[in-house]
C-alpha atoms as a PDB file:
ATOM      1  CA  MET A   1     -95.631 123.055 -63.511  1.00  0.00           C
ATOM      2  CA  VAL A   2     -92.342 124.921 -63.840  1.00  0.00           C
ATOM      3  CA  SER A   3     -92.513 127.525 -66.619  1.00  0.00           C
ATOM      4  CA  SER A   4     -89.796 128.182 -69.172  1.00  0.00           C
ATOM      5  CA  LYS A   5     -88.886 131.399 -67.361  1.00  0.00           C
ATOM      6  CA  HIS A   6     -88.418 129.465 -64.106  1.00  0.00           C
ATOM      7  CA  GLU A   7     -86.286 126.888 -65.924  1.00  0.00           C
ATOM      8  CA  ALA A   8     -84.063 129.640 -67.321  1.00  0.00           C
ATOM      9  CA  MET A   9     -83.441 131.044 -63.842  1.00  0.00           C
ATOM     10  CA  HIS A  10     -82.739 127.550 -62.548  1.00  0.00           C
ATOM     11  CA  ARG A  11     -80.138 126.803 -65.198  1.00  0.00           C
ATOM     12  CA  LEU A  12     -78.514 130.238 -65.142  1.00  0.00           C
ATOM     13  CA  PHE A  13     -77.910 130.324 -61.390  1.00  0.00           C
ATOM     14  CA  ARG A  14     -76.984 126.648 -61.197  1.00  0.00           C
ATOM     15  CA  SER A  15     -74.411 126.891 -63.988  1.00  0.00           C
ATOM     16  CA  HIS A  16     -73.153 130.395 -63.164  1.00  0.00           C
ATOM     17  CA  PRO A  17     -73.795 131.105 -59.462  1.00  0.00           C
ATOM     18  CA  GLU A  18     -71.149 133.839 -59.526  1.00  0.00           C
ATOM     19  CA  VAL A  19     -73.661 136.064 -61.333  1.00  0.00           C
ATOM     20  CA  PHE A  20     -75.562 136.277 -58.038  1.00  0.00           C
ATOM     21  CA  GLY A  21     -72.714 138.043 -56.265  1.00  0.00           C
ATOM     22  CA  ARG A  22     -71.833 140.293 -59.211  1.00  0.00           C
ATOM     23  CA  ALA A  23     -75.414 141.445 -59.644  1.00  0.00           C
ATOM     24  CA  PHE A  24     -75.625 142.561 -56.034  1.00  0.00           C
ATOM     25  CA  GLU A  25     -72.263 144.322 -56.026  1.00  0.00           C
ATOM     26  CA  THR A  26     -74.071 147.263 -57.616  1.00  0.00           C
ATOM     27  CA  LEU A  27     -76.177 147.523 -54.430  1.00  0.00           C
ATOM     28  CA  GLY A  28     -73.198 147.330 -52.105  1.00  0.00           C
ATOM     29  CA  LEU A  29     -74.196 143.931 -50.710  1.00  0.00           C
ATOM     30  CA  PRO A  30     -71.006 142.011 -49.855  1.00  0.00           C
ATOM     31  CA  PHE A  31     -71.947 138.459 -50.767  1.00  0.00           C
ATOM     32  CA  PRO A  32     -68.816 136.319 -51.099  1.00  0.00           C
ATOM     33  CA  ASP A  33     -68.096 134.634 -54.411  1.00  0.00           C
ATOM     34  CA  PRO A  34     -69.172 130.965 -54.431  1.00  0.00           C
ATOM     35  CA  ARG A  35     -66.412 128.369 -54.737  1.00  0.00           C
ATOM     36  CA  GLU A  36     -68.800 125.460 -55.250  1.00  0.00           C
ATOM     37  CA  VAL A  37     -72.513 125.058 -55.886  1.00  0.00           C
ATOM     38  CA  ALA A  38     -74.808 122.072 -55.356  1.00  0.00           C
ATOM     39  CA  LEU A  39     -78.370 121.658 -56.550  1.00  0.00           C
ATOM     40  CA  LEU A  40     -80.680 120.526 -53.732  1.00  0.00           C
ATOM     41  CA  PRO A  41     -84.153 118.964 -54.040  1.00  0.00           C
ATOM     42  CA  ASN A  42     -86.757 121.659 -54.579  1.00  0.00           C
ATOM     43  CA  ASP A  43     -89.657 119.579 -53.232  1.00  0.00           C
ATOM     44  CA  LEU A  44     -90.437 121.031 -49.783  1.00  0.00           C
ATOM     45  CA  THR A  45     -93.616 119.007 -49.224  1.00  0.00           C
ATOM     46  CA  GLU A  46     -94.028 117.382 -45.809  1.00  0.00           C
ATOM     47  CA  ILE A  47     -96.817 115.075 -44.622  1.00  0.00           C
ATOM     48  CA  ASP A  48     -99.223 117.899 -45.417  1.00  0.00           C
ATOM     49  CA  PRO A  49    -100.871 116.974 -48.741  1.00  0.00           C
ATOM     50  CA  ILE A  50    -100.325 120.496 -50.135  1.00  0.00           C
ATOM     51  CA  GLU A  51     -97.463 120.374 -52.634  1.00  0.00           C
ATOM     52  CA  ARG A  52     -94.806 123.031 -52.041  1.00  0.00           C
ATOM     53  CA  ARG A  53     -91.943 123.570 -54.454  1.00  0.00           C
ATOM     54  CA  VAL A  54     -89.436 126.401 -54.643  1.00  0.00           C
ATOM     55  CA  ASP A  55     -88.249 127.089 -58.193  1.00  0.00           C
ATOM     56  CA  THR A  56     -84.575 126.440 -57.451  1.00  0.00           C
ATOM     57  CA  LEU A  57     -82.689 125.559 -54.275  1.00  0.00           C
ATOM     58  CA  LEU A  58     -78.886 125.766 -54.267  1.00  0.00           C
ATOM     59  CA  ARG A  59     -76.222 125.280 -51.619  1.00  0.00           C
ATOM     60  CA  LEU A  60     -73.360 127.726 -52.160  1.00  0.00           C
ATOM     61  CA  GLU A  61     -69.957 127.142 -50.592  1.00  0.00           C
ATOM     62  CA  THR A  62     -67.902 130.291 -49.930  1.00  0.00           C
ATOM     63  CA  ASP A  63     -64.787 131.243 -48.013  1.00  0.00           C
ATOM     64  CA  GLU A  64     -67.112 132.623 -45.324  1.00  0.00           C
ATOM     65  CA  GLY A  65     -69.099 129.408 -45.039  1.00  0.00           C
ATOM     66  CA  PRO A  66     -72.061 127.830 -46.853  1.00  0.00           C
ATOM     67  CA  PHE A  67     -75.528 129.275 -47.323  1.00  0.00           C
ATOM     68  CA  LEU A  68     -78.704 128.322 -49.166  1.00  0.00           C
ATOM     69  CA  LEU A  69     -79.978 130.265 -52.173  1.00  0.00           C
ATOM     70  CA  LEU A  70     -83.664 129.921 -53.047  1.00  0.00           C
ATOM     71  CA  VAL A  71     -84.467 131.350 -56.485  1.00  0.00           C
ATOM     72  CA  GLU A  72     -87.995 132.356 -57.520  1.00  0.00           C
ATOM     73  CA  ALA A  73     -89.162 134.018 -60.741  1.00  0.00           C
ATOM     74  CA  GLN A  74     -92.123 136.303 -60.063  1.00  0.00           C
ATOM     75  CA  ALA A  75     -94.284 137.840 -62.792  1.00  0.00           C
ATOM     76  CA  ARG A  76     -96.895 139.717 -60.695  1.00  0.00           C
ATOM     77  CA  ASN A  77     -98.064 140.612 -57.209  1.00  0.00           C
ATOM     78  CA  ASP A  78     -99.498 137.581 -55.443  1.00  0.00           C
ATOM     79  CA  ARG A  79    -100.922 137.865 -51.927  1.00  0.00           C
ATOM     80  CA  ARG A  80    -100.271 134.142 -51.376  1.00  0.00           C
ATOM     81  CA  LYS A  81     -96.538 134.400 -51.955  1.00  0.00           C
ATOM     82  CA  PRO A  82     -95.431 135.875 -48.599  1.00  0.00           C
ATOM     83  CA  GLY A  83     -96.831 132.809 -46.823  1.00  0.00           C
ATOM     84  CA  SER A  84     -95.205 130.428 -49.307  1.00  0.00           C
ATOM     85  CA  TRP A  85     -91.865 132.229 -49.124  1.00  0.00           C
ATOM     86  CA  ALA A  86     -91.915 132.244 -45.314  1.00  0.00           C
ATOM     87  CA  TYR A  87     -92.576 128.496 -45.398  1.00  0.00           C
ATOM     88  CA  TYR A  88     -89.734 127.891 -47.836  1.00  0.00           C
ATOM     89  CA  LEU A  89     -87.230 129.848 -45.738  1.00  0.00           C
ATOM     90  CA  SER A  90     -88.176 128.327 -42.397  1.00  0.00           C
ATOM     91  CA  HIS A  91     -88.370 124.799 -43.832  1.00  0.00           C
ATOM     92  CA  VAL A  92     -84.946 124.787 -45.492  1.00  0.00           C
ATOM     93  CA  HIS A  93     -83.393 126.474 -42.446  1.00  0.00           C
ATOM     94  CA  ALA A  94     -84.762 123.741 -40.180  1.00  0.00           C
ATOM     95  CA  LYS A  95     -83.885 120.954 -42.618  1.00  0.00           C
ATOM     96  CA  TYR A  96     -80.331 121.971 -43.567  1.00  0.00           C
ATOM     97  CA  GLN A  97     -79.365 124.129 -40.560  1.00  0.00           C
ATOM     98  CA  LEU A  98     -77.887 126.754 -42.889  1.00  0.00           C
ATOM     99  CA  PRO A  99     -78.757 130.443 -43.377  1.00  0.00           C
ATOM    100  CA  PRO A 100     -81.143 130.835 -46.329  1.00  0.00           C
ATOM    101  CA  VAL A 101     -81.415 133.712 -48.806  1.00  0.00           C
ATOM    102  CA  LEU A 102     -84.491 134.141 -50.994  1.00  0.00           C
ATOM    103  CA  LEU A 103     -83.759 135.656 -54.405  1.00  0.00           C
ATOM    104  CA  VAL A 104     -86.734 136.846 -56.466  1.00  0.00           C
ATOM    105  CA  VAL A 105     -86.237 137.737 -60.146  1.00  0.00           C
ATOM    106  CA  CYS A 106     -88.771 140.104 -61.754  1.00  0.00           C
ATOM    107  CA  GLN A 107     -89.258 141.652 -65.191  1.00  0.00           C
ATOM    108  CA  ASP A 108     -91.124 144.797 -64.204  1.00  0.00           C
ATOM    109  CA  ALA A 109     -90.441 147.518 -61.636  1.00  0.00           C
ATOM    110  CA  ALA A 110     -93.869 147.368 -59.954  1.00  0.00           C
ATOM    111  CA  THR A 111     -93.580 143.656 -59.166  1.00  0.00           C
ATOM    112  CA  ALA A 112     -89.987 144.130 -58.025  1.00  0.00           C
ATOM    113  CA  LYS A 113     -90.986 146.935 -55.634  1.00  0.00           C
ATOM    114  CA  TRP A 114     -93.729 144.762 -54.139  1.00  0.00           C
ATOM    115  CA  ALA A 115     -91.468 141.718 -53.837  1.00  0.00           C
ATOM    116  CA  GLU A 116     -88.751 143.662 -52.002  1.00  0.00           C
ATOM    117  CA  GLY A 117     -91.150 144.050 -49.093  1.00  0.00           C
ATOM    118  CA  PRO A 118     -90.681 143.795 -46.233  1.00  0.00           C
ATOM    119  CA  LEU A 119     -93.658 141.415 -46.386  1.00  0.00           C
ATOM    120  CA  SER A 120     -95.282 141.056 -42.978  1.00  0.00           C
ATOM    121  CA  ILE A 121     -97.203 138.067 -41.654  1.00  0.00           C
ATOM    122  CA  GLY A 122     -99.466 138.435 -38.608  1.00  0.00           C
ATOM    123  CA  PRO A 123    -102.238 140.716 -37.349  1.00  0.00           C
ATOM    124  CA  ARG A 124    -101.843 144.476 -37.608  1.00  0.00           C
ATOM    125  CA  GLN A 125    -101.282 144.681 -33.854  1.00  0.00           C
ATOM    126  CA  TRP A 126     -98.229 142.370 -33.945  1.00  0.00           C
ATOM    127  CA  THR A 127     -96.041 141.173 -36.784  1.00  0.00           C
ATOM    128  CA  SER A 128     -95.039 137.553 -36.314  1.00  0.00           C
ATOM    129  CA  LEU A 129     -92.831 137.133 -39.367  1.00  0.00           C
ATOM    130  CA  VAL A 130     -91.163 139.468 -41.844  1.00  0.00           C
ATOM    131  CA  VAL A 131     -89.974 138.164 -45.215  1.00  0.00           C
ATOM    132  CA  ARG A 132     -87.290 140.257 -46.934  1.00  0.00           C
ATOM    133  CA  PRO A 133     -86.365 138.814 -50.330  1.00  0.00           C
ATOM    134  CA  LEU A 134     -83.419 139.999 -52.342  1.00  0.00           C
ATOM    135  CA  VAL A 135     -84.850 141.154 -55.651  1.00  0.00           C
ATOM    136  CA  LEU A 136     -83.252 141.383 -59.076  1.00  0.00           C
ATOM    137  CA  GLY A 137     -85.168 143.298 -61.713  1.00  0.00           C
ATOM    138  CA  PRO A 138     -84.964 146.153 -64.204  1.00  0.00           C
ATOM    139  CA  HIS A 139     -84.532 148.611 -61.319  1.00  0.00           C
ATOM    140  CA  ASN A 140     -81.155 147.256 -60.176  1.00  0.00           C
ATOM    141  CA  VAL A 141     -79.710 144.910 -62.832  1.00  0.00           C
ATOM    142  CA  PRO A 142     -77.538 146.930 -65.246  1.00  0.00           C
ATOM    143  CA  ALA A 143     -78.983 147.317 -68.734  1.00  0.00           C
ATOM    144  CA  VAL A 144     -76.062 145.890 -70.730  1.00  0.00           C
ATOM    145  CA  ALA A 145     -76.428 147.440 -74.171  1.00  0.00           C
ATOM    146  CA  ASP A 146     -72.711 147.566 -75.019  1.00  0.00           C
ATOM    147  CA  PRO A 147     -71.413 144.461 -76.864  1.00  0.00           C
ATOM    148  CA  CYS A 148     -67.934 144.838 -75.304  1.00  0.00           C
ATOM    149  CA  ILE A 149     -69.307 144.832 -71.768  1.00  0.00           C
ATOM    150  CA  ALA A 150     -71.666 141.970 -72.639  1.00  0.00           C
ATOM    151  CA  ALA A 151     -68.789 139.904 -74.018  1.00  0.00           C
ATOM    152  CA  CYS A 152     -66.830 140.319 -70.764  1.00  0.00           C
ATOM    153  CA  ASP A 153     -69.660 138.934 -68.642  1.00  0.00           C
ATOM    154  CA  ILE A 154     -72.138 136.941 -70.724  1.00  0.00           C
ATOM    155  CA  PRO A 155     -73.996 135.388 -67.726  1.00  0.00           C
ATOM    156  CA  LEU A 156     -74.705 138.873 -66.343  1.00  0.00           C
ATOM    157  CA  ALA A 157     -75.630 140.114 -69.830  1.00  0.00           C
ATOM    158  CA  THR A 158     -78.090 137.218 -70.112  1.00  0.00           C
ATOM    159  CA  LEU A 159     -79.643 138.120 -66.761  1.00  0.00           C
ATOM    160  CA  SER A 160     -79.819 141.728 -67.945  1.00  0.00           C
ATOM    161  CA  ALA A 161     -81.727 140.712 -71.079  1.00  0.00           C
ATOM    162  CA  ILE A 162     -84.180 138.612 -69.083  1.00  0.00           C
ATOM    163  CA  THR A 163     -84.915 141.209 -66.400  1.00  0.00           C
ATOM    164  CA  HIS A 164     -85.205 144.067 -68.910  1.00  0.00           C
ATOM    165  CA  ALA A 165     -87.530 142.132 -71.221  1.00  0.00           C
ATOM    166  CA  ASN A 166     -90.220 144.830 -71.041  1.00  0.00           C
ATOM    167  CA  ASP A 167     -87.902 147.850 -71.336  1.00  0.00           C
ATOM    168  CA  ALA A 168     -88.152 150.227 -74.265  1.00  0.00           C
ATOM    169  CA  ASP A 169     -84.455 149.665 -75.100  1.00  0.00           C
ATOM    170  CA  ILE A 170     -84.606 145.856 -74.936  1.00  0.00           C
ATOM    171  CA  GLY A 171     -83.714 145.710 -78.634  1.00  0.00           C
ATOM    172  CA  ALA A 172     -80.285 147.246 -77.975  1.00  0.00           C
ATOM    173  CA  ILE A 173     -79.741 144.935 -74.992  1.00  0.00           C
ATOM    174  CA  LEU A 174     -80.573 141.843 -77.046  1.00  0.00           C
ATOM    175  CA  LYS A 175     -78.405 142.987 -79.952  1.00  0.00           C
ATOM    176  CA  ALA A 176     -75.466 143.508 -77.582  1.00  0.00           C
ATOM    177  CA  LEU A 177     -75.890 139.991 -76.203  1.00  0.00           C
ATOM    178  CA  ALA A 178     -76.266 138.473 -79.667  1.00  0.00           C
ATOM    179  CA  THR A 179     -73.066 140.221 -80.783  1.00  0.00           C
ATOM    180  CA  ALA A 180     -71.235 139.114 -77.628  1.00  0.00           C
ATOM    181  CA  LEU A 181     -72.210 135.486 -78.203  1.00  0.00           C
ATOM    182  CA  GLN A 182     -70.224 135.554 -81.444  1.00  0.00           C
ATOM    183  CA  SER A 183     -67.044 135.781 -79.344  1.00  0.00           C
ATOM    184  CA  VAL A 184     -67.534 132.461 -77.513  1.00  0.00           C
ATOM    185  CA  ASP A 185     -67.564 128.827 -78.532  1.00  0.00           C
ATOM    186  CA  GLU A 186     -70.584 127.578 -80.436  1.00  0.00           C
ATOM    187  CA  ASP A 187     -71.761 125.230 -77.671  1.00  0.00           C
ATOM    188  CA  ASP A 188     -71.648 127.977 -75.030  1.00  0.00           C
ATOM    189  CA  ALA A 189     -73.339 130.438 -77.368  1.00  0.00           C
ATOM    190  CA  LEU A 190     -76.206 128.038 -78.068  1.00  0.00           C
ATOM    191  CA  ILE A 191     -76.726 127.424 -74.338  1.00  0.00           C
ATOM    192  CA  PHE A 192     -76.952 131.135 -73.540  1.00  0.00           C
ATOM    193  CA  ALA A 193     -79.152 131.729 -76.577  1.00  0.00           C
ATOM    194  CA  GLU A 194     -81.577 129.091 -75.302  1.00  0.00           C
ATOM    195  CA  LEU A 195     -81.486 130.443 -71.737  1.00  0.00           C
ATOM    196  CA  THR A 196     -82.299 133.915 -73.021  1.00  0.00           C
ATOM    197  CA  GLU A 197     -85.243 132.705 -75.069  1.00  0.00           C
ATOM    198  CA  LEU A 198     -86.598 130.703 -72.134  1.00  0.00           C
ATOM    199  CA  GLY A 199     -86.222 133.653 -69.774  1.00  0.00           C
ATOM    200  CA  LEU A 200     -87.965 136.080 -72.116  1.00  0.00           C
ATOM    201  CA  GLY A 201     -91.041 133.840 -72.024  1.00  0.00           C
ATOM    202  CA  ASN A 202     -94.019 135.158 -73.982  1.00  0.00           C
ATOM    203  CA  THR A 203     -92.877 138.783 -74.121  1.00  0.00           C
ATOM    204  CA  PRO A 204     -92.531 140.570 -77.483  1.00  0.00           C
ATOM    205  CA  ALA A 205     -88.788 140.600 -76.806  1.00  0.00           C
ATOM    206  CA  ALA A 206     -88.754 136.820 -77.278  1.00  0.00           C
ATOM    207  CA  GLN A 207     -89.754 137.220 -80.913  1.00  0.00           C
ATOM    208  CA  THR A 208     -87.051 139.855 -81.393  1.00  0.00           C
ATOM    209  CA  TRP A 209     -84.529 137.444 -79.916  1.00  0.00           C
ATOM    210  CA  ARG A 210     -85.625 134.598 -82.183  1.00  0.00           C
ATOM    211  CA  GLN A 211     -85.216 136.856 -85.225  1.00  0.00           C
ATOM    212  CA  LEU A 212     -81.713 137.851 -84.108  1.00  0.00           C
ATOM    213  CA  MET A 213     -80.749 134.222 -83.599  1.00  0.00           C
ATOM    214  CA  THR A 214     -82.089 133.229 -87.008  1.00  0.00           C
ATOM    215  CA  VAL A 215     -79.491 135.541 -88.538  1.00  0.00           C
ATOM    216  CA  ASP A 216     -76.654 135.241 -86.020  1.00  0.00           C
ATOM    217  CA  LEU A 217     -76.545 131.496 -85.382  1.00  0.00           C
ATOM    218  CA  SER A 218     -75.206 130.943 -88.888  1.00  0.00           C
ATOM    219  CA  PHE A 219     -72.163 132.979 -87.875  1.00  0.00           C
ATOM    220  CA  PHE A 220     -71.077 130.429 -85.294  1.00  0.00           C
ATOM    221  CA  ARG A 221     -70.419 127.773 -87.914  1.00  0.00           C
ATOM    222  CA  SER A 222     -68.475 129.939 -90.364  1.00  0.00           C
ATOM    223  CA  GLU A 223     -64.715 129.864 -90.887  1.00  0.00           C
ATOM    224  CA  THR A 224     -64.629 133.558 -90.057  1.00  0.00           C
ATOM    225  CA  SER A 225     -66.113 132.903 -86.638  1.00  0.00           C
ATOM    226  CA  GLN A 226     -63.507 130.228 -85.909  1.00  0.00           C
ATOM    227  CA  ARG A 227     -60.683 132.598 -86.831  1.00  0.00           C
ATOM    228  CA  LEU A 228     -62.106 135.539 -84.874  1.00  0.00           C
ATOM    229  CA  ARG A 229     -62.680 133.455 -81.772  1.00  0.00           C
ATOM    230  CA  ALA A 230     -59.117 132.163 -81.892  1.00  0.00           C
ATOM    231  CA  GLU A 231     -57.740 135.676 -82.352  1.00  0.00           C
ATOM    232  CA  GLY A 232     -59.904 136.940 -79.529  1.00  0.00           C
ATOM    233  CA  ARG A 233     -58.686 134.242 -77.167  1.00  0.00           C
ATOM    234  CA  ASP A 234     -55.009 134.763 -78.053  1.00  0.00           C
ATOM    235  CA  GLU A 235     -54.758 138.508 -78.536  1.00  0.00           C
ATOM    236  CA  GLY A 236     -57.941 140.412 -77.886  1.00  0.00           C
ATOM    237  CA  ARG A 237     -59.139 139.384 -74.424  1.00  0.00           C
ATOM    238  CA  ALA A 238     -57.259 142.036 -72.460  1.00  0.00           C
ATOM    239  CA  GLU A 239     -57.970 144.728 -75.053  1.00  0.00           C
ATOM    240  CA  GLY A 240     -61.684 143.940 -74.977  1.00  0.00           C
ATOM    241  CA  LEU A 241     -61.823 144.109 -71.196  1.00  0.00           C
ATOM    242  CA  ALA A 242     -59.953 147.407 -71.155  1.00  0.00           C
ATOM    243  CA  GLU A 243     -62.316 148.883 -73.725  1.00  0.00           C
ATOM    244  CA  ALA A 244     -65.319 147.668 -71.730  1.00  0.00           C
ATOM    245  CA  ILE A 245     -63.992 149.359 -68.579  1.00  0.00           C
ATOM    246  CA  LEU A 246     -63.463 152.669 -70.363  1.00  0.00           C
ATOM    247  CA  ARG A 247     -66.887 152.503 -71.987  1.00  0.00           C
ATOM    248  CA  SER A 248     -68.515 151.747 -68.647  1.00  0.00           C
ATOM    249  CA  LEU A 249     -66.830 154.775 -67.045  1.00  0.00           C
ATOM    250  CA  ALA A 250     -67.755 156.981 -70.009  1.00  0.00           C
ATOM    251  CA  ALA A 251     -71.389 155.890 -69.820  1.00  0.00           C
ATOM    252  CA  ARG A 252     -71.427 156.901 -66.137  1.00  0.00           C
ATOM    253  CA  ARG A 253     -69.749 160.245 -66.990  1.00  0.00           C
ATOM    254  CA  ILE A 254     -66.674 159.527 -64.875  1.00  0.00           C
ATOM    255  CA  GLU A 255     -63.538 161.428 -65.885  1.00  0.00           C
ATOM    256  CA  VAL A 256     -60.555 159.249 -66.767  1.00  0.00           C
ATOM    257  CA  LEU A 257     -57.140 160.860 -66.466  1.00  0.00           C
ATOM    258  CA  PRO A 258     -54.517 159.961 -69.089  1.00  0.00           C
ATOM    259  CA  ALA A 259     -52.459 158.061 -66.502  1.00  0.00           C
ATOM    260  CA  ASP A 260     -55.490 155.983 -65.470  1.00  0.00           C
ATOM    261  CA  GLN A 261     -56.397 155.278 -69.090  1.00  0.00           C
ATOM    262  CA  ASN A 262     -52.850 154.163 -69.822  1.00  0.00           C
ATOM    263  CA  ARG A 263     -52.869 151.893 -66.762  1.00  0.00           C
ATOM    264  CA  ILE A 264     -56.091 150.246 -67.924  1.00  0.00           C
ATOM    265  CA  GLU A 265     -55.057 149.859 -71.557  1.00  0.00           C
ATOM    266  CA  SER A 266     -51.569 148.546 -70.744  1.00  0.00           C
ATOM    267  CA  CYS A 267     -52.785 145.894 -68.276  1.00  0.00           C
ATOM    268  CA  SER A 268     -52.492 142.354 -69.673  1.00  0.00           C
ATOM    269  CA  ASP A 269     -53.924 140.487 -66.653  1.00  0.00           C
ATOM    270  CA  PRO A 270     -57.504 139.397 -67.528  1.00  0.00           C
ATOM    271  CA  ASP A 271     -58.400 138.613 -63.904  1.00  0.00           C
ATOM    272  CA  LEU A 272     -57.292 142.057 -62.744  1.00  0.00           C
ATOM    273  CA  LEU A 273     -59.135 143.708 -65.628  1.00  0.00           C
ATOM    274  CA  ARG A 274     -62.302 141.813 -64.727  1.00  0.00           C
ATOM    275  CA  SER A 275     -62.082 143.060 -61.141  1.00  0.00           C
ATOM    276  CA  TRP A 276     -61.711 146.611 -62.449  1.00  0.00           C
ATOM    277  CA  LEU A 277     -64.698 146.088 -64.732  1.00  0.00           C
ATOM    278  CA  ASP A 278     -66.824 144.942 -61.774  1.00  0.00           C
ATOM    279  CA  ARG A 279     -65.803 148.055 -59.833  1.00  0.00           C
ATOM    280  CA  SER A 280     -66.577 150.331 -62.794  1.00  0.00           C
ATOM    281  CA  PHE A 281     -70.306 149.832 -62.192  1.00  0.00           C
ATOM    282  CA  THR A 282     -70.102 151.460 -58.729  1.00  0.00           C
ATOM    283  CA  ALA A 283     -66.948 153.613 -58.833  1.00  0.00           C
ATOM    284  CA  THR A 284     -67.266 157.373 -58.340  1.00  0.00           C
ATOM    285  CA  THR A 285     -63.800 158.127 -59.749  1.00  0.00           C
ATOM    286  CA  ALA A 286     -61.462 156.240 -62.062  1.00  0.00           C
ATOM    287  CA  ALA A 287     -59.019 155.818 -59.162  1.00  0.00           C
ATOM    288  CA  ASP A 288     -61.665 153.762 -57.320  1.00  0.00           C
ATOM    289  CA  LEU A 289     -61.080 150.946 -59.807  1.00  0.00           C
ATOM    290  CA  PHE A 290     -57.620 150.120 -58.612  1.00  0.00           C
ATOM    291  CA  GLY A 291     -57.965 149.776 -54.835  1.00  0.00           C
ATOM    292  CA  VAL A 292     -55.137 149.448 -52.363  1.00  0.00           C
ATOM    293  CA  GLU A 293     -54.612 145.765 -53.141  1.00  0.00           C
ATOM    294  CA  ASP A 294     -53.850 146.438 -56.803  1.00  0.00           C
END
C-alpha cells in the first residue's frame, strides 16, 4: 500500500516537475526544465505473480527530448531495493524505449548515503549491474528557513520541509513555509499544506506543522490576507524576489557590491529575478548571478 509520504512525493513531482531540475542545480547536474509532464501507470507487474510497483512514474518532455522519471521515497536501508530498482529501470526502458532516471527521496543522511550507491548486483568477482539513483535528502536539498526565499519557490520549500523533517532546525523551516503560504491563493496554500503534512509522515515535525496550520489557516480567509495577496501580486513580487536573492547571498557570505545590489533591486522582471535567485544557491560571486546572456 502506498504510504502518505509516497503520495506526497507523487503529487509534488506530478504537479510541479520543475522542482526536480531546480533541486539538482545545486549539484551542478544540467537536467533541462520540463515543458510537459505525463503520469504513466506505476504497475510494472508482468506475467510473474510478484506485484511490482514504483511509487511514481512520469514522462517528462524537454527541449532535449523526453525521459522517464521514477520517484521513490525511501525511509531506511533495504537490501531488497537494489534488485527492485534495477527491475524498474530495465522494465520501463524496454517498455517505453526512453532513458530512465531513478529519483530517491530520503529524510535522513544515512539512508541517503546508502541510496546514492552505486549499488552493485552480481558476484564479487564480476558486477553485472550497477544502479545509480539520484538522491534528494537533507544532505543536498537547501534548508529553506527564510520566508522570502520560501515564498519565491514554494514547491522547493515544500520539498525542503519534507526532506529536512528530522533536522534540528525543522521548526524554522516549517515556519518559513507557513509564512510563505500566506502570500498565495487559499486553494494553492491548502494544497501545499496538505502535501507537507503527508510528506512529514509520522515524524514529530508533522505535529509541529499541524499546530502551525491550526493558527495560520485562519489567515487565508481574512480580509487582510486578500488585500496583502493583491498588493503582493501587483507591487511586491519583484521586491520580494530581489530581497530573497540578497538574503541568499548574505547567508552564503558572498560580498555584494553596491552596483550589483542596485542592479538586483532595480530589476522589475520577475522571470529574470527568478533565474538570478536559482543561481544564488551556487554562485561564488555576486557577478555570477547575471551571466553573459543577461
